[in-house]
C-alpha atoms as a PDB file:
ATOM      1  CA  MET A   1       0.000   0.000   0.000  1.00  0.00           C
ATOM      2  CA  ALA A   2       1.284   3.455  -0.838  1.00  0.00           C
ATOM      3  CA  ALA A   3       2.221   5.852   1.928  1.00  0.00           C
ATOM      4  CA  LEU A   4      -0.629   8.068   3.039  1.00  0.00           C
ATOM      5  CA  SER A   5      -0.497  11.832   2.835  1.00  0.00           C
ATOM      6  CA  SER A   6      -0.037  13.928   5.926  1.00  0.00           C
ATOM      7  CA  PRO A   7      -3.210  14.598   7.932  1.00  0.00           C
ATOM      8  CA  LEU A   8      -3.004  18.318   7.177  1.00  0.00           C
ATOM      9  CA  ARG A   9      -2.870  17.678   3.437  1.00  0.00           C
ATOM     10  CA  VAL A  10      -5.817  15.284   3.649  1.00  0.00           C
ATOM     11  CA  CYS A  11      -7.808  17.795   5.726  1.00  0.00           C
ATOM     12  CA  ARG A  12      -7.149  20.519   3.173  1.00  0.00           C
ATOM     13  CA  GLY A  13      -8.150  18.179   0.362  1.00  0.00           C
ATOM     14  CA  ILE A  14     -11.431  17.290   2.068  1.00  0.00           C
ATOM     15  CA  LEU A  15     -12.183  20.969   2.671  1.00  0.00           C
ATOM     16  CA  LYS A  16     -11.387  21.726  -0.982  1.00  0.00           C
ATOM     17  CA  GLU A  17     -13.896  19.085  -2.107  1.00  0.00           C
ATOM     18  CA  LEU A  18     -16.443  20.416   0.382  1.00  0.00           C
ATOM     19  CA  ARG A  19     -15.955  23.924  -1.007  1.00  0.00           C
ATOM     20  CA  ALA A  20     -16.469  22.598  -4.558  1.00  0.00           C
ATOM     21  CA  ILE A  21     -19.750  20.965  -3.494  1.00  0.00           C
ATOM     22  CA  GLN A  22     -21.234  23.688  -1.287  1.00  0.00           C
ATOM     23  CA  GLY A  23     -19.698  26.885  -2.618  1.00  0.00           C
ATOM     24  CA  PRO A  24     -18.302  29.811  -0.620  1.00  0.00           C
ATOM     25  CA  THR A  25     -20.581  29.234   2.390  1.00  0.00           C
ATOM     26  CA  TYR A  26     -19.013  25.862   3.192  1.00  0.00           C
ATOM     27  CA  LYS A  27     -17.527  27.137   6.490  1.00  0.00           C
ATOM     28  CA  ARG A  28     -21.014  27.519   7.954  1.00  0.00           C
ATOM     29  CA  SER A  29     -22.038  23.932   7.192  1.00  0.00           C
ATOM     30  CA  GLN A  30     -22.340  21.094   9.685  1.00  0.00           C
ATOM     31  CA  ALA A  31     -20.001  18.971   7.574  1.00  0.00           C
ATOM     32  CA  TYR A  32     -17.222  21.567   7.907  1.00  0.00           C
ATOM     33  CA  ASN A  33     -17.692  21.767  11.669  1.00  0.00           C
ATOM     34  CA  TYR A  34     -17.670  17.976  12.023  1.00  0.00           C
ATOM     35  CA  ILE A  35     -14.539  17.516   9.880  1.00  0.00           C
ATOM     36  CA  MET A  36     -12.607  20.207  11.737  1.00  0.00           C
ATOM     37  CA  GLU A  37     -13.743  18.841  15.110  1.00  0.00           C
ATOM     38  CA  GLN A  38     -12.585  15.319  14.211  1.00  0.00           C
ATOM     39  CA  PHE A  39      -9.199  16.463  12.929  1.00  0.00           C
ATOM     40  CA  ARG A  40      -8.614  18.600  16.023  1.00  0.00           C
ATOM     41  CA  LYS A  41      -9.776  15.880  18.402  1.00  0.00           C
ATOM     42  CA  ASN A  42      -7.558  13.183  16.875  1.00  0.00           C
ATOM     43  CA  LYS A  43      -4.414  15.252  16.464  1.00  0.00           C
ATOM     44  CA  VAL A  44      -1.386  13.420  17.865  1.00  0.00           C
ATOM     45  CA  THR A  45       1.293  15.484  19.529  1.00  0.00           C
ATOM     46  CA  GLY A  46       4.871  14.327  19.871  1.00  0.00           C
ATOM     47  CA  GLU A  47       6.558  11.376  18.234  1.00  0.00           C
ATOM     48  CA  ARG A  48       4.408   8.523  19.451  1.00  0.00           C
ATOM     49  CA  TYR A  49       2.879   5.762  17.397  1.00  0.00           C
ATOM     50  CA  CYS A  50      -0.866   5.564  17.743  1.00  0.00           C
ATOM     51  CA  ARG A  51      -2.732   2.830  15.910  1.00  0.00           C
ATOM     52  CA  ALA A  52      -6.041   4.703  16.170  1.00  0.00           C
ATOM     53  CA  GLN A  53      -4.412   7.767  14.625  1.00  0.00           C
ATOM     54  CA  GLN A  54      -3.166   5.687  11.689  1.00  0.00           C
ATOM     55  CA  GLU A  55      -6.648   4.238  11.215  1.00  0.00           C
ATOM     56  CA  LEU A  56      -8.214   7.700  11.280  1.00  0.00           C
ATOM     57  CA  ASN A  57      -5.631   8.981   8.821  1.00  0.00           C
ATOM     58  CA  HIS A  58      -6.473   6.075   6.494  1.00  0.00           C
ATOM     59  CA  ASP A  59     -10.229   6.704   6.893  1.00  0.00           C
ATOM     60  CA  SER A  60      -9.824  10.395   6.115  1.00  0.00           C
ATOM     61  CA  HIS A  61      -7.690   9.609   3.067  1.00  0.00           C
ATOM     62  CA  THR A  62     -10.364   7.165   1.872  1.00  0.00           C
ATOM     63  CA  TYR A  63     -13.071   9.797   2.377  1.00  0.00           C
ATOM     64  CA  LEU A  64     -11.060  12.312   0.350  1.00  0.00           C
ATOM     65  CA  CYS A  65     -10.739   9.760  -2.442  1.00  0.00           C
ATOM     66  CA  LEU A  66     -14.511   9.156  -2.326  1.00  0.00           C
ATOM     67  CA  LEU A  67     -15.296  12.887  -2.585  1.00  0.00           C
ATOM     68  CA  ALA A  68     -12.889  13.449  -5.464  1.00  0.00           C
ATOM     69  CA  SER A  69     -14.098  10.364  -7.335  1.00  0.00           C
ATOM     70  CA  THR A  70     -17.736  11.337  -6.877  1.00  0.00           C
ATOM     71  CA  ARG A  71     -17.084  14.822  -8.242  1.00  0.00           C
ATOM     72  CA  THR A  72     -15.240  13.387 -11.246  1.00  0.00           C
ATOM     73  CA  HIS A  73     -18.006  10.845 -11.839  1.00  0.00           C
ATOM     74  CA  MET A  74     -20.681  13.537 -11.808  1.00  0.00           C
ATOM     75  CA  ALA A  75     -18.706  15.649 -14.304  1.00  0.00           C
ATOM     76  CA  LEU A  76     -18.301  12.687 -16.653  1.00  0.00           C
ATOM     77  CA  HIS A  77     -21.948  11.717 -16.217  1.00  0.00           C
ATOM     78  CA  GLU A  78     -23.039  15.256 -17.181  1.00  0.00           C
ATOM     79  CA  LEU A  79     -20.787  15.170 -20.232  1.00  0.00           C
ATOM     80  CA  TYR A  80     -21.620  11.747 -21.655  1.00  0.00           C
ATOM     81  CA  HIS A  81     -25.051  10.793 -20.337  1.00  0.00           C
ATOM     82  CA  SER A  82     -27.571  11.057 -23.106  1.00  0.00           C
ATOM     83  CA  LYS A  83     -30.444  13.456 -22.705  1.00  0.00           C
ATOM     84  CA  GLY A  84     -32.778  11.507 -24.946  1.00  0.00           C
ATOM     85  CA  GLU A  85     -32.360  10.011 -28.362  1.00  0.00           C
ATOM     86  CA  ALA A  86     -29.354  11.449 -30.187  1.00  0.00           C
ATOM     87  CA  SER A  87     -29.221  11.718 -33.957  1.00  0.00           C
ATOM     88  CA  THR A  88     -26.753   9.560 -35.812  1.00  0.00           C
ATOM     89  CA  LYS A  89     -24.724  12.603 -36.794  1.00  0.00           C
ATOM     90  CA  SER A  90     -24.431  13.909 -33.207  1.00  0.00           C
ATOM     91  CA  ALA A  91     -23.611  10.422 -31.859  1.00  0.00           C
ATOM     92  CA  ALA A  92     -20.825  10.055 -34.423  1.00  0.00           C
ATOM     93  CA  ALA A  93     -19.503  13.535 -33.614  1.00  0.00           C
ATOM     94  CA  MET A  94     -19.445  12.673 -29.879  1.00  0.00           C
ATOM     95  CA  VAL A  95     -16.877   9.930 -30.497  1.00  0.00           C
ATOM     96  CA  GLY A  96     -14.934  11.897 -33.114  1.00  0.00           C
ATOM     97  CA  LEU A  97     -16.306  10.407 -36.319  1.00  0.00           C
ATOM     98  CA  ARG A  98     -18.034  11.861 -39.360  1.00  0.00           C
ATOM     99  CA  LEU A  99     -20.801  10.284 -41.362  1.00  0.00           C
ATOM    100  CA  PRO A 100     -19.988   9.423 -44.967  1.00  0.00           C
ATOM    101  CA  THR A 101     -21.421  11.721 -47.581  1.00  0.00           C
ATOM    102  CA  GLN A 102     -24.005  10.502 -50.049  1.00  0.00           C
ATOM    103  CA  PRO A 103     -22.692   9.830 -53.556  1.00  0.00           C
ATOM    104  CA  GLY A 104     -23.777  12.487 -56.008  1.00  0.00           C
ATOM    105  CA  VAL A 105     -24.173  15.254 -53.389  1.00  0.00           C
ATOM    106  CA  PHE A 106     -21.883  18.180 -54.146  1.00  0.00           C
ATOM    107  CA  ASN A 107     -22.331  21.528 -52.421  1.00  0.00           C
ATOM    108  CA  THR A 108     -25.962  20.772 -51.532  1.00  0.00           C
ATOM    109  CA  ARG A 109     -26.757  20.333 -55.228  1.00  0.00           C
ATOM    110  CA  ILE A 110     -28.044  16.872 -56.017  1.00  0.00           C
ATOM    111  CA  ILE A 111     -26.883  15.312 -59.246  1.00  0.00           C
ATOM    112  CA  ARG A 112     -29.119  12.523 -60.467  1.00  0.00           C
ATOM    113  CA  TRP A 113     -27.157   9.500 -61.557  1.00  0.00           C
ATOM    114  CA  GLU A 114     -29.753   8.658 -64.175  1.00  0.00           C
ATOM    115  CA  SER A 115     -29.247  11.983 -65.980  1.00  0.00           C
ATOM    116  CA  ILE A 116     -25.481  11.638 -66.380  1.00  0.00           C
END
């Protein structure tokens, strides 16, 4: 398992995600108060090893990952989720393709093959 980030970095990351979700009034939310209370309550002073502190650090890192992944998922869902039936042309354009042109169509003038 990779080394976890410092608790301060994780706390800042969680608050950044909270700010992205709730906007500039995030400091008045119950979630902000709870997160700050938990980080202050479980702060370890000195150079002692505390198994509970390591578990809380892992839990907070996991929560940060959940928030970031959820935000990314919602952005991708908004971008690619269909809003009804898409035309063939728009579906092809979404994946970077173009539809083939009809033979005999030049500059919106139709040339009849029978008349040539």
